[in-house]
Amino acid sequence: MPGVVERYLVLGLGLGRHLDGLVDAYYGPPDLRARVEDGPHRSLRALTDDARRLIADLDGGAGDTRGDEHEGGDVLDAQRRAWLRAQVVGLHTVARTLAGEPLPYRDEVEACYGVRPRAVPEDELADAHRRLDAALPGHGALAERFIAWRESQVVPPDALEAAVASLAEDLRERTDRAFGLPDGERVDFVLERDKPWSGFNYYLGELRSRVAINVDLPVPSTTLGHLVAHEAYPGHHTEHTRKEVGLVRRRRRVEETIFLVGTPQCLVAEGLADLGLEVLLGDRPEPVLADHLRPLGVPYDAEVVAAVATAGETIAAVRGNVALLLHEDGVDASAAVAYAERWALLARPRAEKMVAFLTDPTWRAYISCYVEGLPLCRRFVAGDPARFGRLLSEQLTPADLAAV
């Protein structure tokens, strides 16, 4: 019987043939990828059965001894087994839903990502609106003022690449000092269009990432520092490179060579990436960001950004409410857009972009990785950089973070 790690890799690659984007990254054994891509197109029913059997075998002790060539040098200790099992439960859920099995949205999210989504009460959103109203300049309707202020802070297109490069260089140096970066790591930033997300890290293996920034809509300067930190330093790129060196190369944990949407791995990754800027620069990163952006002619109202940041985090959770409206309550896209306009204080094009992300087959359940991942990782780190280093280096599940 192939080892459980090989079976996990083959399962993920096989499901990736059914859902574009499910395999976020793969730099594992090329013969496995070739076997899956060149072999028969296995049905969702067969892949569901594979996942179910793999869960049962993990529960039954499979992998306690060294397996085949792809199994890795470490035996499956309790932590590694729990991590793999959580991943396979997520893939089992993905296979079931893709096959058309009806599953309540909250149950789907919990099985995939290890957290149960909750709606943010509208009285909490209304309180955040009041705090924003006090922080924003000018008079008049809050939504109009907030949209006008945010759109006034966009990065001029001809300054975007220079702004990204300046921020990335600084955050890279800070990340290296705080946590260490492997020799030879590299990020290439590119601009893309016609994507449902604002930014994306394509991890290529060999310590390389290509980070894409979506320019379908103007990029706000108020989010640019967070975007660079999230996708590169100390976020996704940093996590991928440290785990490639520490877990894959040194400990031969080959399961880390695949990154799969629909699994708890994503929630931890998104939570730590969202937390990264705060870990590097503290609760108030605005003065550092302004030092990079203003000399390039990029509008950046640091004082107002700082004032709206706390309320803005509550407003960001509206994304989770919109997902529940769409997939639990069954509202149509136009009603979801209207809700996002009202409670997230978005102009219609940005509200429509949000709903497009939340109705994309790959990403429909993914929003909880942001909404629930950040507070979970923040509680786990609790201001201790060493704990953030653990997120970058260890195989941890949401259950591990909640237990601390």
Protein backbone atom coordinates (compact mmCIF):
# COMPACT_ATOMS: atom_id res chain seq x y z
CA MET A 1 0.00 0.00 0.00
CA PRO A 2 1.38 3.45 -0.81
CA GLY A 3 2.25 5.51 2.25
CA VAL A 4 -0.32 7.84 3.72
CA VAL A 5 1.63 10.95 2.70
CA GLU A 6 1.80 9.82 -0.92
CA ARG A 7 -1.90 9.05 -0.84
CA TYR A 8 -2.58 12.53 0.53
CA LEU A 9 -0.59 14.17 -2.26
CA VAL A 10 -2.30 12.07 -4.94
CA LEU A 11 -5.72 12.87 -3.45
CA GLY A 12 -5.04 16.61 -3.51
CA LEU A 13 -3.68 16.53 -7.05
CA GLY A 14 -6.63 14.42 -8.20
CA LEU A 15 -9.18 16.83 -6.74
CA GLY A 16 -7.30 19.67 -8.38
CA ARG A 17 -8.31 18.23 -11.76
CA HIS A 18 -11.95 18.87 -10.80
CA LEU A 19 -11.62 22.40 -9.36
CA ASP A 20 -9.35 25.02 -10.81
CA GLY A 21 -7.29 26.68 -8.10
CA LEU A 22 -7.74 23.97 -5.49
CA VAL A 23 -4.01 23.19 -5.72
CA ASP A 24 -2.64 26.55 -4.68
CA ALA A 25 0.98 25.35 -4.85
CA TYR A 26 2.83 22.12 -5.56
CA TYR A 27 6.56 21.55 -5.67
CA GLY A 28 6.59 17.94 -4.57
CA PRO A 29 7.71 14.77 -6.35
CA PRO A 30 7.24 15.35 -10.10
CA ASP A 31 6.52 11.68 -10.73
CA LEU A 32 3.40 11.90 -8.57
CA ARG A 33 2.11 14.91 -10.46
CA ALA A 34 2.84 13.19 -13.78
CA ARG A 35 1.07 10.03 -12.61
CA VAL A 36 -2.06 11.99 -11.69
CA GLU A 37 -2.09 14.31 -14.72
CA ASP A 38 -1.33 11.56 -17.24
CA GLY A 39 -3.50 8.94 -15.61
CA PRO A 40 -7.26 8.37 -15.81
CA HIS A 41 -9.50 11.22 -14.67
CA ARG A 42 -10.81 9.72 -11.43
CA SER A 43 -14.39 10.52 -10.51
CA LEU A 44 -15.43 12.59 -7.52
CA ARG A 45 -17.11 9.53 -6.07
CA ALA A 46 -13.83 7.59 -6.25
CA LEU A 47 -11.89 10.49 -4.71
CA THR A 48 -14.46 10.80 -1.93
CA ASP A 49 -13.96 7.11 -1.15
CA ASP A 50 -10.17 7.57 -1.24
CA ALA A 51 -10.41 10.38 1.31
CA ARG A 52 -12.71 8.39 3.56
CA ARG A 53 -10.36 5.40 3.53
CA LEU A 54 -7.36 7.61 4.21
CA ILE A 55 -9.06 9.12 7.26
CA ALA A 56 -9.85 5.63 8.54
CA ASP A 57 -6.28 4.47 7.99
CA LEU A 58 -4.86 7.51 9.77
CA ASP A 59 -7.21 6.81 12.68
CA GLY A 60 -6.13 3.20 12.62
CA GLY A 61 -2.40 3.89 12.91
CA ALA A 62 -1.21 3.75 9.30
CA GLY A 63 2.10 5.50 8.83
CA ASP A 64 3.63 4.60 12.18
CA THR A 65 6.63 3.17 10.35
CA ARG A 66 8.65 4.60 7.50
CA GLY A 67 6.73 4.16 4.28
CA ASP A 68 7.63 4.39 0.62
CA GLU A 69 10.02 6.86 -0.98
CA HIS A 70 7.57 9.75 -0.72
CA GLU A 71 6.65 9.17 2.91
CA GLY A 72 9.42 11.26 4.41
CA GLY A 73 12.03 10.61 7.04
CA ASP A 74 9.85 11.24 10.10
CA VAL A 75 7.36 8.71 11.35
CA LEU A 76 3.84 10.01 11.88
CA ASP A 77 3.92 11.27 15.43
CA ALA A 78 0.65 12.45 17.01
CA GLN A 79 1.05 16.06 15.87
CA ARG A 80 1.87 15.17 12.28
CA ARG A 81 -0.96 12.64 12.14
CA ALA A 82 -3.48 15.17 13.50
CA TRP A 83 -2.37 17.75 10.93
CA LEU A 84 -2.70 15.28 8.05
CA ARG A 85 -6.07 14.04 9.26
CA ALA A 86 -7.47 17.58 9.44
CA GLN A 87 -6.24 18.20 5.91
CA VAL A 88 -7.87 15.03 4.58
CA VAL A 89 -11.17 15.82 6.32
CA GLY A 90 -11.14 19.13 4.42
CA LEU A 91 -10.47 17.38 1.11
CA HIS A 92 -13.18 14.80 1.83
CA THR A 93 -15.62 17.68 2.33
CA VAL A 94 -14.52 19.38 -0.89
CA ALA A 95 -15.01 16.15 -2.82
CA ARG A 96 -18.48 15.63 -1.36
CA THR A 97 -19.66 19.16 -2.16
CA LEU A 98 -18.21 19.08 -5.67
CA ALA A 99 -20.07 15.81 -6.24
CA GLY A 100 -23.31 17.62 -5.42
CA GLU A 101 -23.90 16.35 -1.89
CA PRO A 102 -25.97 18.96 -0.04
CA LEU A 103 -24.16 20.22 3.03
CA PRO A 104 -25.13 23.22 5.15
CA TYR A 105 -22.68 26.07 4.54
CA ARG A 106 -21.59 26.37 8.19
CA ASP A 107 -20.93 22.63 8.32
CA GLU A 108 -18.94 22.84 5.08
CA VAL A 109 -16.75 25.66 6.39
CA GLU A 110 -16.16 23.94 9.72
CA ALA A 111 -15.19 20.64 8.10
CA CYS A 112 -12.87 22.34 5.61
CA TYR A 113 -11.24 24.98 7.78
CA GLY A 114 -11.66 23.90 11.38
CA VAL A 115 -13.78 26.85 12.53
CA ARG A 116 -17.52 27.45 12.53
CA PRO A 117 -18.41 30.78 10.95
CA ARG A 118 -20.57 33.25 12.79
CA ALA A 119 -22.29 36.39 11.63
CA VAL A 120 -21.17 39.66 13.15
CA PRO A 121 -24.25 41.24 14.78
CA GLU A 122 -25.45 44.34 13.02
CA ASP A 123 -25.36 46.34 16.27
CA GLU A 124 -21.57 45.73 16.32
CA LEU A 125 -21.37 46.94 12.74
CA ALA A 126 -23.46 49.99 13.61
CA ASP A 127 -21.07 50.77 16.47
CA ALA A 128 -18.13 50.52 14.07
CA HIS A 129 -19.95 52.92 11.76
CA ARG A 130 -20.27 55.40 14.60
CA ARG A 131 -16.55 55.18 15.33
CA LEU A 132 -15.76 55.67 11.67
CA ASP A 133 -18.08 58.63 11.53
CA ALA A 134 -16.14 60.28 14.35
CA ALA A 135 -12.78 59.54 12.71
CA LEU A 136 -13.45 60.62 9.15
CA PRO A 137 -13.05 64.23 8.03
CA GLY A 138 -15.94 66.24 6.66
CA HIS A 139 -19.68 66.13 7.09
CA GLY A 140 -22.59 64.32 5.54
CA ALA A 141 -23.57 60.69 4.98
CA LEU A 142 -21.00 58.24 6.37
CA ALA A 143 -20.94 55.93 3.34
CA GLU A 144 -20.34 58.79 0.93
CA ARG A 145 -17.57 60.27 3.08
CA PHE A 146 -15.88 56.91 3.63
CA ILE A 147 -15.98 55.97 -0.05
CA ALA A 148 -14.75 59.40 -1.09
CA TRP A 149 -11.91 59.33 1.45
CA ARG A 150 -10.84 55.79 0.51
CA GLU A 151 -10.90 56.53 -3.21
CA SER A 152 -8.85 59.68 -2.60
CA GLN A 153 -6.12 57.49 -1.14
CA VAL A 154 -5.52 55.28 -4.18
CA VAL A 155 -2.04 54.69 -5.53
CA PRO A 156 -1.35 56.41 -8.87
CA PRO A 157 -0.77 53.63 -11.42
CA ASP A 158 2.68 54.93 -12.36
CA ALA A 159 3.77 54.82 -8.70
CA LEU A 160 2.44 51.35 -7.83
CA GLU A 161 5.50 49.27 -8.69
CA ALA A 162 7.90 51.66 -6.93
CA ALA A 163 5.69 51.73 -3.84
CA VAL A 164 5.51 47.93 -3.70
CA ALA A 165 9.28 47.61 -4.13
CA SER A 166 10.00 50.13 -1.36
CA LEU A 167 7.65 48.47 1.10
CA ALA A 168 8.84 44.97 0.23
CA GLU A 169 12.50 45.86 0.76
CA ASP A 170 11.83 47.30 4.22
CA LEU A 171 9.50 44.51 5.34
CA ARG A 172 11.92 41.89 4.05
CA GLU A 173 14.77 43.33 6.15
CA ARG A 174 12.56 43.48 9.24
CA THR A 175 11.34 39.92 8.69
CA ASP A 176 14.88 38.63 8.28
CA ARG A 177 15.99 40.30 11.51
CA ALA A 178 12.98 39.08 13.47
CA PHE A 179 12.56 35.53 12.18
CA GLY A 180 15.25 34.72 9.64
CA LEU A 181 14.82 34.12 5.92
CA PRO A 182 16.47 31.30 3.97
CA ASP A 183 19.38 32.23 1.75
CA GLY A 184 18.31 32.60 -1.85
CA GLU A 185 14.63 33.32 -1.27
CA ARG A 186 13.03 35.71 -3.76
CA VAL A 187 9.71 37.36 -4.56
CA ASP A 188 8.75 38.76 -7.97
CA PHE A 189 5.77 41.15 -7.97
CA VAL A 190 3.50 41.33 -11.03
CA LEU A 191 0.25 43.12 -11.89
CA GLU A 192 -2.75 41.10 -13.09
CA ARG A 193 -6.37 41.65 -14.11
CA ASP A 194 -9.61 39.68 -14.24
CA LYS A 195 -9.11 37.92 -10.91
CA PRO A 196 -11.55 37.63 -7.98
CA TRP A 197 -8.91 38.46 -5.36
CA SER A 198 -6.89 41.62 -4.58
CA GLY A 199 -3.54 39.84 -4.26
CA PHE A 200 -2.21 36.31 -4.62
CA ASN A 201 0.99 34.44 -3.80
CA TYR A 202 1.96 31.83 -6.37
CA TYR A 203 4.58 29.78 -4.53
CA LEU A 204 6.87 28.11 -7.06
CA GLY A 205 9.14 26.10 -4.80
CA GLU A 206 12.91 26.50 -4.58
CA LEU A 207 12.25 29.49 -2.26
CA ARG A 208 10.60 31.53 -5.03
CA SER A 209 7.23 33.31 -5.12
CA ARG A 210 5.39 35.29 -7.75
CA VAL A 211 3.06 37.75 -6.02
CA ALA A 212 0.28 39.14 -8.20
CA ILE A 213 -1.56 42.37 -7.42
CA ASN A 214 -4.97 42.76 -9.01
CA VAL A 215 -5.39 46.12 -10.74
CA ASP A 216 -8.97 45.65 -11.95
CA LEU A 217 -9.81 48.44 -9.50
CA PRO A 218 -7.51 51.22 -8.24
CA VAL A 219 -5.28 49.97 -5.41
CA PRO A 220 -5.83 51.91 -2.16
CA SER A 221 -2.67 53.12 -0.43
CA THR A 222 -4.45 52.34 2.84
CA THR A 223 -4.18 48.60 2.14
CA LEU A 224 -0.92 48.41 0.20
CA GLY A 225 1.38 47.85 3.19
CA HIS A 226 -0.89 45.11 4.47
CA LEU A 227 -1.00 43.51 1.02
CA VAL A 228 2.81 43.34 0.72
CA ALA A 229 3.15 42.02 4.26
CA HIS A 230 0.36 39.50 3.74
CA GLU A 231 1.60 38.04 0.47
CA ALA A 232 5.35 38.28 1.04
CA TYR A 233 7.05 39.45 4.26
CA PRO A 234 6.31 38.07 6.83
CA GLY A 235 3.26 36.40 5.31
CA HIS A 236 2.76 33.69 2.70
CA HIS A 237 6.17 33.77 1.04
CA THR A 238 7.95 33.74 4.40
CA GLU A 239 5.86 30.82 5.66
CA HIS A 240 6.36 28.82 2.47
CA THR A 241 10.13 29.31 2.37
CA ARG A 242 10.69 28.56 6.05
CA LYS A 243 8.60 25.41 5.84
CA GLU A 244 10.30 24.32 2.62
CA VAL A 245 13.67 24.50 4.37
CA GLY A 246 12.68 23.39 7.86
CA LEU A 247 10.01 20.78 7.19
CA VAL A 248 10.57 19.55 3.65
CA ARG A 249 14.34 19.68 3.16
CA ARG A 250 15.45 18.95 6.71
CA ARG A 251 12.68 16.67 7.98
CA ARG A 252 11.36 15.33 4.66
CA ARG A 253 7.74 16.16 5.48
CA VAL A 254 6.72 15.94 1.87
CA GLU A 255 3.08 16.76 2.63
CA GLU A 256 4.18 20.39 2.94
CA THR A 257 5.02 20.49 -0.77
CA ILE A 258 1.33 20.87 -1.60
CA PHE A 259 -0.91 23.73 -0.49
CA LEU A 260 -4.61 23.01 -0.86
CA VAL A 261 -7.67 25.24 -0.76
CA GLY A 262 -10.41 23.73 1.37
CA THR A 263 -8.13 22.69 4.23
CA PRO A 264 -7.23 24.07 7.68
CA GLN A 265 -3.73 24.82 6.36
CA CYS A 266 -5.30 27.83 4.61
CA LEU A 267 -6.90 29.31 7.71
CA VAL A 268 -3.62 29.29 9.63
CA ALA A 269 -1.80 30.73 6.61
CA GLU A 270 -4.28 33.55 6.07
CA GLY A 271 -4.49 34.36 9.77
CA LEU A 272 -0.74 34.67 10.20
CA ALA A 273 -0.44 36.63 6.96
CA ASP A 274 -3.08 39.11 8.12
CA LEU A 275 -1.26 39.44 11.44
CA GLY A 276 2.17 39.94 9.89
CA LEU A 277 2.24 43.73 9.56
CA GLU A 278 1.14 44.11 13.18
CA VAL A 279 3.86 41.73 14.36
CA LEU A 280 6.58 43.62 12.47
CA LEU A 281 5.48 47.23 13.03
CA GLY A 282 3.20 47.14 16.06
CA ASP A 283 -0.36 48.32 16.44
CA ARG A 284 0.34 51.58 14.61
CA PRO A 285 2.30 50.91 11.40
CA GLU A 286 1.06 54.07 9.68
CA PRO A 287 4.14 56.32 10.24
CA VAL A 288 6.45 53.69 8.68
CA LEU A 289 4.15 53.19 5.72
CA ALA A 290 3.83 56.93 5.19
CA ASP A 291 7.62 57.24 5.03
CA HIS A 292 7.58 54.92 2.02
CA LEU A 293 4.50 56.20 0.23
CA ARG A 294 4.53 59.97 0.53
CA PRO A 295 7.98 60.53 -1.07
CA LEU A 296 6.63 58.69 -4.15
CA GLY A 297 3.66 61.02 -4.43
CA VAL A 298 1.23 58.41 -3.12
CA PRO A 299 -1.67 59.88 -1.11
CA TYR A 300 -1.65 58.39 2.38
CA ASP A 301 -3.59 60.04 5.20
CA ALA A 302 -1.73 58.33 8.05
CA GLU A 303 -3.65 60.03 10.85
CA VAL A 304 -7.05 59.06 9.49
CA VAL A 305 -5.84 55.56 8.56
CA ALA A 306 -4.80 55.04 12.19
CA ALA A 307 -8.12 56.37 13.46
CA VAL A 308 -10.24 54.12 11.25
CA ALA A 309 -8.11 50.96 11.58
CA THR A 310 -9.88 49.39 14.57
CA ALA A 311 -13.35 50.11 13.27
CA GLY A 312 -12.23 48.97 9.84
CA GLU A 313 -11.36 45.50 11.13
CA THR A 314 -14.96 45.06 12.30
CA ILE A 315 -16.20 46.33 8.95
CA ALA A 316 -13.98 43.77 7.17
CA ALA A 317 -15.92 41.01 8.92
CA VAL A 318 -18.95 41.98 6.83
CA ARG A 319 -17.45 39.66 4.20
CA GLY A 320 -18.38 36.71 6.38
CA ASN A 321 -21.93 37.99 6.82
CA VAL A 322 -22.30 38.32 3.05
CA ALA A 323 -21.11 34.73 2.56
CA LEU A 324 -23.69 33.48 5.05
CA LEU A 325 -26.42 35.48 3.30
CA LEU A 326 -25.49 33.95 -0.04
CA HIS A 327 -24.90 30.36 0.95
CA GLU A 328 -26.91 29.85 4.14
CA ASP A 329 -29.88 32.19 3.64
CA GLY A 330 -30.02 31.93 -0.15
CA VAL A 331 -30.21 35.63 -1.00
CA ASP A 332 -29.44 36.57 -4.58
CA ALA A 333 -26.30 38.36 -5.71
CA SER A 334 -28.00 41.76 -6.02
CA ALA A 335 -29.21 41.63 -2.41
CA ALA A 336 -25.74 40.56 -1.27
CA VAL A 337 -24.18 43.49 -3.15
CA ALA A 338 -26.64 45.88 -1.50
CA TYR A 339 -25.80 44.48 1.94
CA ALA A 340 -22.08 44.91 1.28
CA GLU A 341 -22.66 48.46 0.11
CA ARG A 342 -24.57 49.29 3.27
CA TRP A 343 -22.56 47.57 5.98
CA ALA A 344 -19.06 47.41 4.44
CA LEU A 345 -19.47 50.97 3.14
CA LEU A 346 -18.34 49.97 -0.34
CA ALA A 347 -18.87 51.60 -3.68
CA ARG A 348 -20.87 49.31 -5.95
CA PRO A 349 -17.89 48.11 -8.07
CA ARG A 350 -16.03 47.01 -4.93
CA ALA A 351 -19.18 45.40 -3.48
CA GLU A 352 -19.68 43.51 -6.74
CA LYS A 353 -16.04 42.37 -6.61
CA MET A 354 -16.61 41.02 -3.09
CA VAL A 355 -19.68 39.06 -4.15
CA ALA A 356 -17.85 37.70 -7.19
CA PHE A 357 -15.17 36.29 -4.87
CA LEU A 358 -17.76 34.81 -2.52
CA THR A 359 -19.63 33.07 -5.34
CA ASP A 360 -16.54 31.69 -7.08
CA PRO A 361 -16.62 27.87 -6.73
CA THR A 362 -13.05 27.77 -5.43
CA TRP A 363 -13.42 30.56 -2.89
CA ARG A 364 -17.05 30.41 -1.68
CA ALA A 365 -16.14 29.01 1.75
CA TYR A 366 -12.67 30.54 1.92
CA ILE A 367 -13.64 33.89 3.44
CA SER A 368 -13.66 32.40 6.95
CA CYS A 369 -9.90 31.94 6.62
CA TYR A 370 -9.64 35.73 6.89
CA VAL A 371 -12.57 36.55 9.14
CA GLU A 372 -11.82 33.81 11.69
CA GLY A 373 -8.11 33.26 11.00
CA LEU A 374 -6.82 36.66 12.11
CA PRO A 375 -8.38 36.71 15.60
CA LEU A 376 -7.43 33.07 16.15
CA CYS A 377 -3.78 33.69 15.25
CA ARG A 378 -3.71 36.94 17.21
CA ARG A 379 -4.92 35.18 20.36
CA PHE A 380 -2.35 32.43 19.85
CA VAL A 381 0.56 34.83 19.33
CA ALA A 382 -0.55 37.11 22.18
CA GLY A 383 2.19 39.60 21.41
CA ASP A 384 4.99 37.02 21.55
CA PRO A 385 7.12 37.02 18.36
CA ALA A 386 8.34 33.51 19.18
CA ARG A 387 4.80 32.23 18.79
CA PHE A 388 4.51 33.94 15.43
CA GLY A 389 7.73 32.13 14.53
CA ARG A 390 5.99 28.87 15.38
CA LEU A 391 3.20 29.70 12.93
CA LEU A 392 5.85 30.20 10.26
CA SER A 393 7.64 26.95 11.00
CA GLU A 394 5.38 24.26 12.47
CA GLN A 395 2.46 22.12 11.36
CA LEU A 396 -0.33 23.62 13.47
CA THR A 397 -4.09 23.26 13.09
CA PRO A 398 -6.82 25.71 14.16
CA ALA A 399 -7.57 23.33 17.03
CA ASP A 400 -3.94 23.65 18.18
CA LEU A 401 -4.21 27.44 18.18
CA ALA A 402 -7.52 27.46 20.04
CA ALA A 403 -6.15 25.11 22.72
CA VAL A 404 -3.36 27.49 23.82
